[in-house]
Amino acid sequence: MSTLNGSTSNNTQSLMDQFAPMKAFLLVTPCVIFLYVNGVMIFTLRKKTVFQQTSRYILFGQMLWVDTLNLFMSVLLYLCAISRILIMKNVCLLLLIAATSLYQISTLNLSLMSLERYVAICFPLRHAEFTSFERTHIAIGVICFIGMLQSLSETIIFYCIDTTNIAMNLFCSRTTLLRLQIYNKLDIAFTSMYFALASFVIIFTYASISAVAKTAACDKMSAQKANKTVLLHLIQLGLGASSILAGVIQEVIYVNTDLMTAINVMYFCFVVFIMFPKCLSPLIYGMRDQAFSCIFLYYFTFGKGGTVNPVIKKQHA
């Protein structure tokens, strides 16, 4: 019996080693491409003064930075896991709290972008006042602080209460490092609170913009574009919420199935619910904006497409 178990384990290990490089290539290659795309978008935003002073582009830049860093951190942790690299626990904690903070900030940023569209459509005469350069950056600072509350709480618990982590080097994941039940409770509590808050704000702004769009005094085209933008925020929020469900699925699969099935399910959930939304959302938002997309295409194609001096029009998309 022990021989059979040993043979099965060796076969499983062989399969894991066989497909791991291919899976890593299929994951890392598109991520590197989209990291380049995001980098060009960030570069584009810094080339025009109007992009640096307009609230919608400031918030778009914030989303780009957060999603780019989140994508980079996720790929880094994934490569460390499949490479079986042991990381010092303090470095692992830093990576995990950074990844957690970026994920929560990304969720809250969607609600802030929806509020900006709400003000643009429902209070057009006061839009410049409500979304000034200073107020936009203050709002970004507030959501960054709120998004870091979970990580700050977990760090305090880790150094002041947690006595389970005596190993200096370990495989870096929340499961191996943050073992106490209180970490799971904090994660559920903060994530539920953030998603409930973001959902309320996005649904409220969508309903408000829809109501205003029915009035005669409203710019129908601008309202329709703004509603589509907010709807995209809601879809992206739904993908983020599904990643929570994916985590639950992974735990159930890990306990009730064989190792190979669990690894395949975890890989699928990682690609579909974490990597895919982070790769596509900046591209979708950027290409929908006519003023931004033509300059982006110019830099993305090294001057062979688009134009670097477009006519910047007032848009509400």
Protein backbone atom coordinates (compact mmCIF):
# COMPACT_ATOMS: atom_id res chain seq x y z
CA MET A 1 0.00 0.00 0.00
CA SER A 2 2.80 2.39 0.88
CA THR A 3 4.48 1.56 -2.44
CA LEU A 4 1.28 2.40 -4.30
CA ASN A 5 0.93 5.70 -2.45
CA GLY A 6 4.55 6.52 -3.15
CA SER A 7 4.10 5.72 -6.85
CA THR A 8 0.97 7.89 -7.04
CA SER A 9 2.76 10.74 -5.31
CA ASN A 10 5.68 10.48 -7.71
CA ASN A 11 3.35 10.44 -10.73
CA THR A 12 1.50 13.49 -9.43
CA GLN A 13 4.79 15.28 -8.79
CA SER A 14 5.92 14.39 -12.31
CA LEU A 15 2.73 15.80 -13.82
CA MET A 16 3.07 18.95 -11.77
CA ASP A 17 6.66 19.44 -12.95
CA GLN A 18 5.64 18.68 -16.53
CA PHE A 19 2.84 21.25 -16.85
CA ALA A 20 4.09 23.93 -14.44
CA PRO A 21 6.39 25.65 -17.00
CA MET A 22 3.63 25.73 -19.63
CA LYS A 23 1.11 27.16 -17.15
CA ALA A 24 3.60 29.74 -15.99
CA PHE A 25 4.32 30.75 -19.60
CA LEU A 26 0.61 31.03 -20.47
CA LEU A 27 0.05 33.21 -17.40
CA VAL A 28 3.15 35.37 -17.34
CA THR A 29 3.27 36.21 -21.08
CA PRO A 30 -0.08 38.08 -21.27
CA CYS A 31 0.63 39.69 -17.90
CA VAL A 32 3.94 41.08 -19.19
CA ILE A 33 2.15 42.39 -22.30
CA PHE A 34 -0.52 44.12 -20.21
CA LEU A 35 2.10 45.49 -17.83
CA TYR A 36 3.66 47.13 -20.88
CA VAL A 37 0.24 48.41 -22.02
CA ASN A 38 -0.42 49.88 -18.57
CA GLY A 39 3.05 51.40 -18.53
CA VAL A 40 2.41 53.14 -21.87
CA MET A 41 -0.95 54.40 -20.57
CA ILE A 42 0.70 55.85 -17.47
CA PHE A 43 3.36 57.46 -19.68
CA THR A 44 0.60 58.90 -21.91
CA LEU A 45 -1.20 60.44 -18.93
CA ARG A 46 1.99 62.25 -17.95
CA LYS A 47 2.53 63.74 -21.42
CA LYS A 48 -0.47 66.08 -21.45
CA THR A 49 -1.25 68.74 -18.87
CA VAL A 50 -5.01 68.23 -19.30
CA PHE A 51 -4.64 64.59 -18.22
CA GLN A 52 -2.81 65.63 -15.06
CA GLN A 53 -5.32 68.31 -14.06
CA THR A 54 -8.68 66.71 -14.95
CA SER A 55 -10.31 64.63 -12.22
CA ARG A 56 -11.47 61.77 -14.45
CA TYR A 57 -7.96 61.27 -15.83
CA ILE A 58 -6.40 61.61 -12.37
CA LEU A 59 -8.69 58.82 -11.13
CA PHE A 60 -7.97 56.77 -14.24
CA GLY A 61 -4.25 57.16 -13.54
CA GLN A 62 -4.84 56.05 -9.96
CA MET A 63 -6.64 52.94 -11.22
CA LEU A 64 -3.78 52.22 -13.63
CA TRP A 65 -1.13 52.45 -10.92
CA VAL A 66 -3.10 50.30 -8.48
CA ASP A 67 -3.99 47.63 -11.05
CA THR A 68 -0.45 47.56 -12.44
CA LEU A 69 1.12 47.12 -9.01
CA ASN A 70 -1.55 44.58 -8.08
CA LEU A 71 -0.88 42.62 -11.27
CA PHE A 72 2.87 42.71 -10.67
CA MET A 73 2.50 41.59 -7.04
CA SER A 74 0.15 38.74 -7.96
CA VAL A 75 2.49 37.43 -10.67
CA LEU A 76 5.48 37.73 -8.33
CA LEU A 77 3.72 35.72 -5.59
CA TYR A 78 2.58 33.14 -8.14
CA LEU A 79 6.10 32.67 -9.53
CA CYS A 80 7.48 32.32 -6.02
CA ALA A 81 4.87 29.65 -5.29
CA ILE A 82 5.45 27.51 -8.39
CA SER A 83 9.22 27.90 -8.03
CA ARG A 84 8.94 26.78 -4.39
CA ILE A 85 11.05 29.69 -3.25
CA LEU A 86 11.31 30.11 0.51
CA ILE A 87 10.91 33.74 1.58
CA MET A 88 11.74 35.36 4.91
CA LYS A 89 8.56 35.82 6.91
CA ASN A 90 8.97 39.59 7.26
CA VAL A 91 9.42 39.97 3.48
CA CYS A 92 6.44 37.66 2.91
CA LEU A 93 4.32 39.76 5.26
CA LEU A 94 5.30 42.90 3.36
CA LEU A 95 4.31 41.31 0.03
CA LEU A 96 0.98 40.05 1.40
CA ILE A 97 -0.08 43.31 3.05
CA ALA A 98 0.88 45.22 -0.12
CA ALA A 99 -1.19 42.85 -2.28
CA THR A 100 -4.15 43.04 0.13
CA SER A 101 -4.04 46.84 0.33
CA LEU A 102 -3.86 47.22 -3.46
CA TYR A 103 -6.82 44.87 -3.89
CA GLN A 104 -8.99 46.80 -1.42
CA ILE A 105 -7.94 50.21 -2.80
CA SER A 106 -8.83 49.00 -6.30
CA THR A 107 -12.35 48.17 -5.09
CA LEU A 108 -12.84 51.55 -3.43
CA ASN A 109 -11.40 53.38 -6.44
CA LEU A 110 -14.29 52.09 -8.58
CA SER A 111 -16.77 53.83 -6.30
CA LEU A 112 -14.76 57.06 -6.46
CA MET A 113 -14.72 56.98 -10.26
CA SER A 114 -18.49 56.40 -10.28
CA LEU A 115 -19.02 59.38 -7.98
CA GLU A 116 -17.03 61.58 -10.33
CA ARG A 117 -19.34 60.59 -13.23
CA TYR A 118 -22.37 61.19 -10.98
CA VAL A 119 -21.22 64.75 -10.21
CA ALA A 120 -20.43 65.40 -13.89
CA ILE A 121 -23.95 64.48 -15.01
CA CYS A 122 -26.11 65.43 -12.03
CA PHE A 123 -24.26 68.62 -11.01
CA PRO A 124 -22.55 69.80 -14.22
CA LEU A 125 -22.34 73.45 -13.13
CA ARG A 126 -20.48 72.52 -9.92
CA HIS A 127 -18.42 69.68 -11.35
CA ALA A 128 -15.22 71.73 -11.55
CA GLU A 129 -15.68 72.84 -7.93
CA PHE A 130 -16.47 69.39 -6.49
CA THR A 131 -13.75 67.59 -8.47
CA SER A 132 -10.94 70.11 -8.26
CA PHE A 133 -7.31 68.97 -8.37
CA GLU A 134 -6.91 69.29 -4.60
CA ARG A 135 -10.19 67.59 -3.68
CA THR A 136 -9.53 64.72 -6.08
CA HIS A 137 -6.16 64.00 -4.48
CA ILE A 138 -7.65 64.27 -0.99
CA ALA A 139 -10.30 61.73 -1.97
CA ILE A 140 -7.61 59.41 -3.33
CA GLY A 141 -5.66 59.76 -0.08
CA VAL A 142 -8.77 58.90 1.95
CA ILE A 143 -9.56 55.72 0.01
CA CYS A 144 -5.90 54.66 0.18
CA PHE A 145 -5.96 55.03 3.97
CA ILE A 146 -9.27 53.16 4.25
CA GLY A 147 -7.99 50.43 1.93
CA MET A 148 -4.93 49.92 4.15
CA LEU A 149 -6.90 49.46 7.39
CA GLN A 150 -7.08 45.66 7.01
CA SER A 151 -3.36 45.35 6.34
CA LEU A 152 -2.51 47.62 9.28
CA SER A 153 -4.75 45.53 11.57
CA GLU A 154 -3.16 42.27 10.40
CA THR A 155 0.35 43.69 10.85
CA ILE A 156 -0.40 44.73 14.44
CA ILE A 157 -1.84 41.28 15.23
CA PHE A 158 1.12 39.54 13.56
CA TYR A 159 3.75 41.31 15.67
CA CYS A 160 1.82 41.78 18.92
CA ILE A 161 -0.40 38.70 19.28
CA ASP A 162 0.51 35.97 16.79
CA THR A 163 2.94 33.40 18.24
CA THR A 164 2.44 30.71 15.59
CA ASN A 165 5.09 31.98 13.17
CA ILE A 166 8.45 30.74 14.38
CA ALA A 167 9.90 29.75 10.99
CA MET A 168 12.23 32.29 9.45
CA ASN A 169 11.67 31.12 5.86
CA LEU A 170 8.46 29.73 4.36
CA PHE A 171 6.34 29.43 1.22
CA CYS A 172 4.73 32.85 0.96
CA SER A 173 0.92 32.72 1.12
CA ARG A 174 -1.78 33.83 3.52
CA THR A 175 -2.40 30.20 4.45
CA THR A 176 1.18 29.53 5.54
CA LEU A 177 1.90 32.88 7.19
CA LEU A 178 -1.39 34.11 8.66
CA ARG A 179 -2.61 31.00 10.48
CA LEU A 180 -4.82 32.39 13.25
CA GLN A 181 -8.59 32.35 12.70
CA ILE A 182 -8.77 36.06 13.43
CA TYR A 183 -7.05 36.79 10.11
CA ASN A 184 -9.86 35.05 8.20
CA LYS A 185 -12.48 36.92 10.22
CA LEU A 186 -10.79 40.25 9.52
CA ASP A 187 -10.51 39.44 5.83
CA ILE A 188 -14.20 38.54 5.57
CA ALA A 189 -15.28 41.59 7.60
CA PHE A 190 -13.20 44.19 5.71
CA THR A 191 -13.82 42.71 2.26
CA SER A 192 -17.57 42.51 2.86
CA MET A 193 -17.60 46.10 4.13
CA TYR A 194 -15.65 47.42 1.14
CA PHE A 195 -17.74 45.57 -1.42
CA ALA A 196 -20.99 46.62 0.27
CA LEU A 197 -19.85 50.26 0.27
CA ALA A 198 -18.67 50.15 -3.35
CA SER A 199 -21.83 48.36 -4.48
CA PHE A 200 -24.07 50.92 -2.79
CA VAL A 201 -22.18 53.87 -4.32
CA ILE A 202 -22.08 52.39 -7.84
CA ILE A 203 -25.74 51.32 -7.85
CA PHE A 204 -26.78 54.71 -6.43
CA THR A 205 -24.81 56.63 -9.07
CA TYR A 206 -26.14 54.40 -11.86
CA ALA A 207 -29.75 54.94 -10.74
CA SER A 208 -29.22 58.68 -10.30
CA ILE A 209 -27.64 59.13 -13.73
CA SER A 210 -30.46 57.07 -15.30
CA ALA A 211 -33.06 59.29 -13.63
CA VAL A 212 -31.33 62.48 -14.75
CA ALA A 213 -31.01 61.12 -18.31
CA LYS A 214 -34.81 61.10 -18.59
CA THR A 215 -35.08 64.84 -17.99
CA ALA A 216 -35.21 67.27 -20.88
CA ALA A 217 -32.41 69.45 -19.50
CA CYS A 218 -29.84 66.67 -19.58
CA ASP A 219 -27.30 65.99 -22.31
CA LYS A 220 -28.61 62.59 -23.43
CA MET A 221 -25.39 61.49 -25.10
CA SER A 222 -23.22 62.35 -22.10
CA ALA A 223 -25.63 60.66 -19.68
CA GLN A 224 -25.71 57.48 -21.75
CA LYS A 225 -21.92 57.34 -21.91
CA ALA A 226 -21.64 57.97 -18.18
CA ASN A 227 -24.16 55.22 -17.47
CA LYS A 228 -22.16 52.77 -19.57
CA THR A 229 -19.03 53.72 -17.66
CA VAL A 230 -20.70 53.16 -14.29
CA LEU A 231 -22.11 49.87 -15.56
CA LEU A 232 -18.57 48.78 -16.44
CA HIS A 233 -17.55 49.66 -12.89
CA LEU A 234 -20.37 47.47 -11.59
CA ILE A 235 -19.28 44.56 -13.81
CA GLN A 236 -15.69 44.94 -12.65
CA LEU A 237 -16.88 45.00 -9.04
CA GLY A 238 -18.82 41.79 -9.74
CA LEU A 239 -15.65 40.14 -11.03
CA GLY A 240 -13.89 41.24 -7.86
CA ALA A 241 -16.67 39.79 -5.73
CA SER A 242 -16.47 36.52 -7.67
CA SER A 243 -12.80 36.27 -6.68
CA ILE A 244 -13.97 35.96 -3.06
CA LEU A 245 -16.20 33.07 -4.06
CA ALA A 246 -13.26 31.58 -5.95
CA GLY A 247 -11.26 31.57 -2.73
CA VAL A 248 -14.00 29.58 -1.00
CA ILE A 249 -14.14 27.16 -3.94
CA GLN A 250 -10.39 26.66 -3.77
CA GLU A 251 -10.54 25.79 -0.07
CA VAL A 252 -13.31 23.23 -0.66
CA ILE A 253 -11.52 21.68 -3.65
CA TYR A 254 -8.23 21.52 -1.74
CA VAL A 255 -9.83 19.60 1.13
CA ASN A 256 -12.06 17.23 -0.86
CA THR A 257 -10.08 16.34 -4.00
CA ASP A 258 -6.65 15.14 -5.03
CA LEU A 259 -3.69 17.48 -5.24
CA MET A 260 -3.58 17.70 -9.05
CA THR A 261 -7.26 18.68 -9.34
CA ALA A 262 -6.85 21.27 -6.60
CA ILE A 263 -3.83 22.82 -8.36
CA ASN A 264 -5.70 23.00 -11.69
CA VAL A 265 -8.75 24.63 -10.08
CA MET A 266 -6.57 27.15 -8.24
CA TYR A 267 -4.77 28.00 -11.48
CA PHE A 268 -8.08 28.50 -13.32
CA CYS A 269 -9.50 30.73 -10.56
CA PHE A 270 -6.27 32.72 -10.41
CA VAL A 271 -6.33 33.44 -14.16
CA VAL A 272 -10.08 34.10 -14.56
CA PHE A 273 -10.94 35.99 -11.37
CA ILE A 274 -7.69 37.79 -10.50
CA MET A 275 -5.46 38.19 -13.55
CA PHE A 276 -8.05 38.64 -16.30
CA PRO A 277 -9.96 41.61 -14.75
CA LYS A 278 -6.73 43.40 -13.82
CA CYS A 279 -5.41 43.00 -17.36
CA LEU A 280 -8.49 44.10 -19.28
CA SER A 281 -10.13 46.85 -17.22
CA PRO A 282 -7.51 49.60 -17.81
CA LEU A 283 -7.46 48.81 -21.52
CA ILE A 284 -11.26 48.96 -21.78
CA TYR A 285 -11.50 52.28 -19.96
CA GLY A 286 -8.57 53.81 -21.82
CA MET A 287 -9.71 52.86 -25.32
CA ARG A 288 -13.26 54.15 -24.69
CA ASP A 289 -11.92 57.68 -24.25
CA GLN A 290 -11.37 59.20 -27.69
CA ALA A 291 -9.07 61.99 -26.52
CA PHE A 292 -6.84 59.60 -24.59
CA SER A 293 -6.87 56.64 -26.99
CA CYS A 294 -5.45 58.51 -29.99
CA ILE A 295 -2.42 59.67 -27.98
CA PHE A 296 -2.03 56.23 -26.38
CA LEU A 297 -1.99 54.54 -29.81
CA TYR A 298 0.67 57.01 -30.97
CA TYR A 299 3.04 56.05 -28.14
CA PHE A 300 2.06 52.36 -28.16
CA THR A 301 2.96 52.04 -31.86
CA PHE A 302 6.11 54.19 -31.53
CA GLY A 303 4.62 57.03 -33.56
CA LYS A 304 3.10 54.91 -36.31
CA GLY A 305 -0.54 55.28 -35.27
CA GLY A 306 -2.78 57.89 -33.68
CA THR A 307 -1.78 61.48 -33.12
CA VAL A 308 0.09 63.19 -30.33
CA ASN A 309 -1.84 66.49 -30.64
CA PRO A 310 -5.56 65.64 -30.64
CA VAL A 311 -8.31 68.12 -30.10
CA ILE A 312 -9.28 67.61 -26.45
CA LYS A 313 -13.01 67.72 -26.17
CA LYS A 314 -15.11 67.79 -23.08
CA GLN A 315 -16.31 64.23 -22.60
CA HIS A 316 -18.45 62.50 -20.02
CA ALA A 317 -17.90 58.89 -21.07
